[in-house]
Amino acid sequence: MKRVQILLSAMLIALASACNFTEEIHINEDGSGKLSINFDGSEMMEMAGEEMAKTNEKPIDSIISFKTFLEEKKDSIAQLPIEEQEKLKKLEPFNMRMVMNPEKKEMMFDLFSEFKNVSEVNDAFGAFQDASTIGGKSNPQQGPMKPSEQPTEVNYSFQKNKFTRTAKIVDQELFQQQLDSLQGAEMFLSGSTYTLKYHFPKKIKSTTAEEATFSQDGKTLIYEVNFMELMKNPSVLDLEVELEK
């Protein structure tokens, strides 16, 4: 468990310093599928890898189950207000793979979950951020864990050959605070990206994402935006995809 806490703390540092994300969804014919939020921290490791290599930390490649993690912390969680307990409960369907190898300058975090309906994993990016917060507060001596407050939320829907992704600001004041906190890092984050990669069971007939690209078989949509642009305007990734019948 100590190693998990170290990894989650490293993830929190990575989130504050570099942001190249891929949000990948595979949807089957019956609407079930898998969602993954992948963070690539290789650029950060390229800059800090030599210093981290001096610590002689062994390479790590681990998968944690948040269902198990939250079960182990249930006594601490029980001390939290019901609203915060419910936020942590949203992490339960997810697992996370964490890879860190300073010598090879590799760092990767992948939060993933299978679903029967894509709406079951709404606001997965918020869950990704909450996972890092838990890592910073998982020591029992520091008191109960608390999920971070998220100023935005994302909702997914797949019905009758139509997929939608919509984001909205749920706390304007907190949203502005988040923007203010990013101002000092804007130059550094200017080259960071957030990419959607959605795989569908049928060919894509149309989409509202005008700049999206498609796989050769027409079933996969890829749409990339600048990370800072997304932070300033969460709806920049709002889209609708209609599949062929």
Protein backbone atom coordinates (compact mmCIF):
# COMPACT_ATOMS: atom_id res chain seq x y z
CA MET A 1 0.00 0.00 0.00
CA LYS A 2 2.93 2.34 0.69
CA ARG A 3 4.04 1.98 -2.92
CA VAL A 4 0.53 2.85 -4.12
CA GLN A 5 0.63 6.01 -2.02
CA ILE A 6 4.01 6.97 -3.50
CA LEU A 7 2.67 6.44 -7.01
CA LEU A 8 -0.45 8.48 -6.38
CA SER A 9 1.62 11.28 -4.90
CA ALA A 10 3.84 11.23 -7.98
CA MET A 11 0.71 11.40 -10.11
CA LEU A 12 -0.40 14.52 -8.22
CA ILE A 13 2.96 16.18 -8.96
CA ALA A 14 2.70 15.15 -12.61
CA LEU A 15 -0.77 16.64 -12.95
CA ALA A 16 0.59 19.95 -11.70
CA SER A 17 3.50 20.03 -14.11
CA ALA A 18 2.64 18.46 -17.48
CA CYS A 19 -0.59 17.44 -19.13
CA ASN A 20 -0.79 15.16 -22.16
CA PHE A 21 -4.00 13.16 -21.83
CA THR A 22 -5.84 10.69 -24.02
CA GLU A 23 -9.49 9.91 -23.30
CA GLU A 24 -10.26 6.63 -25.07
CA ILE A 25 -13.64 4.90 -25.27
CA HIS A 26 -14.52 1.58 -26.90
CA ILE A 27 -18.27 1.07 -27.40
CA ASN A 28 -19.77 -2.28 -28.37
CA GLU A 29 -22.96 -2.95 -30.34
CA ASP A 30 -25.00 -3.41 -27.13
CA GLY A 31 -23.74 -0.12 -25.63
CA SER A 32 -21.27 -1.73 -23.23
CA GLY A 33 -17.57 -1.00 -23.44
CA LYS A 34 -14.45 0.37 -21.78
CA LEU A 35 -13.25 3.88 -20.95
CA SER A 36 -9.66 4.91 -20.29
CA ILE A 37 -8.07 8.21 -19.24
CA ASN A 38 -4.37 7.99 -20.00
CA PHE A 39 -1.72 10.44 -18.80
CA ASP A 40 1.69 10.42 -20.51
CA GLY A 41 4.34 12.00 -18.30
CA SER A 42 7.32 11.09 -20.47
CA GLU A 43 8.18 14.76 -21.15
CA MET A 44 8.35 15.49 -17.45
CA MET A 45 10.50 12.39 -16.90
CA GLU A 46 12.77 13.51 -19.73
CA MET A 47 13.52 16.64 -17.70
CA ALA A 48 13.61 15.08 -14.24
CA GLY A 49 14.57 11.48 -14.99
CA GLU A 50 18.29 11.80 -14.26
CA GLU A 51 17.66 13.26 -10.81
CA MET A 52 15.00 10.64 -10.06
CA ALA A 53 17.34 7.87 -11.25
CA LYS A 54 19.81 8.87 -8.50
CA THR A 55 17.23 7.82 -5.88
CA ASN A 56 17.70 4.18 -6.99
CA GLU A 57 13.95 3.63 -6.99
CA LYS A 58 13.07 0.35 -8.67
CA PRO A 59 10.88 0.52 -11.79
CA ILE A 60 7.18 0.28 -10.96
CA ASP A 61 4.38 -1.24 -13.03
CA SER A 62 1.32 -1.66 -10.81
CA ILE A 63 -2.45 -1.87 -11.08
CA ILE A 64 -4.63 -0.78 -8.19
CA SER A 65 -8.33 -1.39 -7.73
CA PHE A 66 -10.12 1.57 -6.19
CA LYS A 67 -12.82 -0.79 -4.96
CA THR A 68 -10.18 -2.55 -2.87
CA PHE A 69 -8.43 0.70 -1.94
CA LEU A 70 -11.65 2.29 -0.67
CA GLU A 71 -12.56 -0.86 1.24
CA GLU A 72 -9.24 -0.67 3.07
CA LYS A 73 -9.93 2.99 3.92
CA LYS A 74 -13.60 2.52 4.83
CA ASP A 75 -13.11 3.53 8.48
CA SER A 76 -11.50 6.81 7.44
CA ILE A 77 -14.14 7.41 4.77
CA ALA A 78 -16.95 6.84 7.27
CA GLN A 79 -15.81 9.99 9.11
CA LEU A 80 -16.50 12.18 6.06
CA PRO A 81 -19.78 13.95 5.29
CA ILE A 82 -22.19 11.88 3.18
CA GLU A 83 -21.66 14.13 0.15
CA GLU A 84 -17.91 13.48 0.17
CA GLN A 85 -18.45 9.76 0.72
CA GLU A 86 -20.63 9.70 -2.39
CA LYS A 87 -17.91 11.43 -4.42
CA LEU A 88 -15.39 8.80 -3.37
CA LYS A 89 -17.92 6.08 -4.22
CA LYS A 90 -17.74 7.23 -7.86
CA LEU A 91 -14.14 5.99 -7.97
CA GLU A 92 -15.20 2.43 -7.13
CA PRO A 93 -15.68 1.17 -10.74
CA PHE A 94 -12.19 2.30 -11.75
CA ASN A 95 -8.79 0.65 -11.77
CA MET A 96 -5.50 2.44 -12.39
CA ARG A 97 -2.31 1.22 -13.97
CA MET A 98 0.80 3.16 -12.97
CA VAL A 99 4.18 2.87 -14.67
CA MET A 100 7.30 4.71 -13.52
CA ASN A 101 10.83 4.01 -14.74
CA PRO A 102 13.31 6.90 -14.22
CA GLU A 103 16.08 5.08 -16.11
CA LYS A 104 13.95 4.74 -19.24
CA LYS A 105 12.31 8.13 -18.55
CA GLU A 106 8.85 6.57 -18.52
CA MET A 107 5.83 7.73 -16.54
CA MET A 108 2.27 6.69 -17.32
CA PHE A 109 -1.05 6.66 -15.47
CA ASP A 110 -4.09 4.94 -16.95
CA LEU A 111 -7.47 5.12 -15.19
CA PHE A 112 -9.86 2.61 -16.77
CA SER A 113 -13.22 0.97 -16.27
CA GLU A 114 -15.59 -1.32 -18.11
CA PHE A 115 -19.23 -0.27 -18.36
CA LYS A 116 -22.63 -1.61 -19.41
CA ASN A 117 -23.68 1.91 -20.40
CA VAL A 118 -21.22 4.76 -20.97
CA SER A 119 -23.22 7.05 -18.68
CA GLU A 120 -21.99 4.87 -15.78
CA VAL A 121 -18.55 6.47 -16.07
CA ASN A 122 -19.61 10.11 -16.44
CA ASP A 123 -16.92 12.63 -15.50
CA ALA A 124 -14.05 10.17 -15.73
CA PHE A 125 -11.50 13.00 -15.92
CA GLY A 126 -12.85 14.33 -12.61
CA ALA A 127 -12.35 10.83 -11.20
CA PHE A 128 -8.77 10.90 -12.50
CA GLN A 129 -8.12 14.14 -10.62
CA ASP A 130 -9.81 12.80 -7.48
CA ALA A 131 -7.57 9.74 -7.62
CA SER A 132 -4.48 11.96 -7.38
CA THR A 133 -5.97 13.85 -4.44
CA ILE A 134 -6.54 10.62 -2.55
CA GLY A 135 -2.88 9.78 -3.04
CA GLY A 136 -1.88 12.92 -1.22
CA LYS A 137 -4.16 12.23 1.75
CA SER A 138 -4.01 8.49 2.16
CA ASN A 139 -1.93 8.47 5.34
CA PRO A 140 -4.29 7.64 8.24
CA GLN A 141 -2.31 9.96 10.52
CA GLN A 142 -3.34 12.89 8.34
CA GLY A 143 -7.03 12.25 8.95
CA PRO A 144 -9.72 11.02 6.58
CA MET A 145 -9.34 11.30 2.82
CA LYS A 146 -11.31 13.98 1.01
CA PRO A 147 -12.06 14.10 -2.70
CA SER A 148 -11.17 17.31 -4.46
CA GLU A 149 -13.91 19.70 -5.54
CA GLN A 150 -14.25 19.78 -9.31
CA PRO A 151 -15.64 22.92 -10.98
CA THR A 152 -16.78 21.03 -14.09
CA GLU A 153 -18.37 17.73 -14.99
CA VAL A 154 -18.59 15.67 -18.18
CA ASN A 155 -21.52 13.51 -19.26
CA TYR A 156 -21.63 10.79 -21.90
CA SER A 157 -24.62 9.25 -23.66
CA PHE A 158 -25.04 6.56 -26.31
CA GLN A 159 -28.57 5.89 -27.55
CA LYS A 160 -30.04 4.92 -30.92
CA ASN A 161 -26.80 5.20 -32.91
CA LYS A 162 -26.02 8.60 -31.40
CA PHE A 163 -23.16 9.38 -29.01
CA THR A 164 -22.77 12.67 -27.14
CA ARG A 165 -20.13 14.15 -24.87
CA THR A 166 -21.08 17.33 -23.00
CA ALA A 167 -19.28 19.33 -20.32
CA LYS A 168 -20.60 22.01 -18.01
CA ILE A 169 -19.32 24.29 -15.27
CA VAL A 170 -20.98 23.38 -11.97
CA ASP A 171 -19.14 25.88 -9.74
CA GLN A 172 -18.26 29.18 -11.46
CA GLU A 173 -16.24 30.54 -8.53
CA LEU A 174 -14.14 27.38 -8.23
CA PHE A 175 -13.71 27.33 -12.01
CA GLN A 176 -12.26 30.86 -11.93
CA GLN A 177 -9.94 29.89 -9.08
CA GLN A 178 -8.68 26.97 -11.16
CA LEU A 179 -8.00 29.28 -14.12
CA ASP A 180 -6.16 31.74 -11.88
CA SER A 181 -4.00 28.95 -10.48
CA LEU A 182 -2.97 27.90 -14.00
CA GLN A 183 -1.85 31.35 -15.13
CA GLY A 184 1.73 30.91 -13.92
CA ALA A 185 2.02 27.60 -15.79
CA GLU A 186 0.33 28.70 -19.02
CA MET A 187 3.57 29.01 -20.98
CA PHE A 188 4.72 25.57 -19.86
CA LEU A 189 1.32 24.00 -20.57
CA SER A 190 0.91 25.66 -23.96
CA GLY A 191 2.20 22.55 -25.74
CA SER A 192 0.12 20.09 -23.71
CA THR A 193 -2.83 18.32 -25.29
CA TYR A 194 -6.06 16.47 -24.52
CA THR A 195 -7.06 13.91 -27.15
CA LEU A 196 -10.32 12.05 -27.63
CA LYS A 197 -10.08 8.63 -29.27
CA TYR A 198 -13.50 7.02 -29.63
CA HIS A 199 -14.09 3.59 -31.18
CA PHE A 200 -17.61 2.74 -32.35
CA PRO A 201 -19.24 -0.53 -33.51
CA LYS A 202 -20.38 1.03 -36.80
CA LYS A 203 -19.09 3.56 -39.30
CA ILE A 204 -19.44 7.20 -38.34
CA LYS A 205 -22.04 9.00 -40.45
CA SER A 206 -21.45 12.51 -39.10
CA THR A 207 -20.03 14.49 -36.19
CA THR A 208 -20.17 18.03 -34.88
CA ALA A 209 -16.38 17.93 -34.27
CA GLU A 210 -15.33 19.55 -37.55
CA GLU A 211 -11.59 19.13 -36.98
CA ALA A 212 -11.77 15.45 -35.99
CA THR A 213 -9.92 12.80 -38.01
CA PHE A 214 -11.05 9.22 -38.63
CA SER A 215 -9.58 5.75 -38.94
CA GLN A 216 -9.45 4.03 -42.31
CA ASP A 217 -12.49 1.89 -41.50
CA GLY A 218 -14.45 4.97 -40.45
CA LYS A 219 -15.28 3.60 -36.98
CA THR A 220 -12.76 5.56 -34.89
CA LEU A 221 -12.82 9.31 -34.23
CA ILE A 222 -9.74 11.22 -33.05
CA TYR A 223 -10.04 14.78 -31.84
CA GLU A 224 -7.20 16.74 -30.20
CA VAL A 225 -7.29 20.14 -28.51
CA ASN A 226 -4.80 22.27 -26.59
CA PHE A 227 -4.98 21.49 -22.88
CA MET A 228 -5.09 25.14 -21.81
CA GLU A 229 -7.88 25.80 -24.28
CA LEU A 230 -9.85 22.98 -22.64
CA MET A 231 -9.19 24.34 -19.16
CA LYS A 232 -10.48 27.76 -20.22
CA ASN A 233 -13.50 26.40 -22.07
CA PRO A 234 -14.63 22.89 -20.98
CA SER A 235 -17.25 22.76 -23.73
CA VAL A 236 -14.57 22.87 -26.45
CA LEU A 237 -14.77 19.05 -26.54
CA ASP A 238 -18.55 18.87 -26.64
CA LEU A 239 -19.52 16.72 -29.57
CA GLU A 240 -22.19 14.56 -31.11
CA VAL A 241 -21.49 11.52 -33.25
CA GLU A 242 -24.11 9.81 -35.40
CA LEU A 243 -23.42 6.29 -36.65
CA GLU A 244 -24.65 4.63 -39.81
CA LYS A 245 -27.68 2.36 -39.38
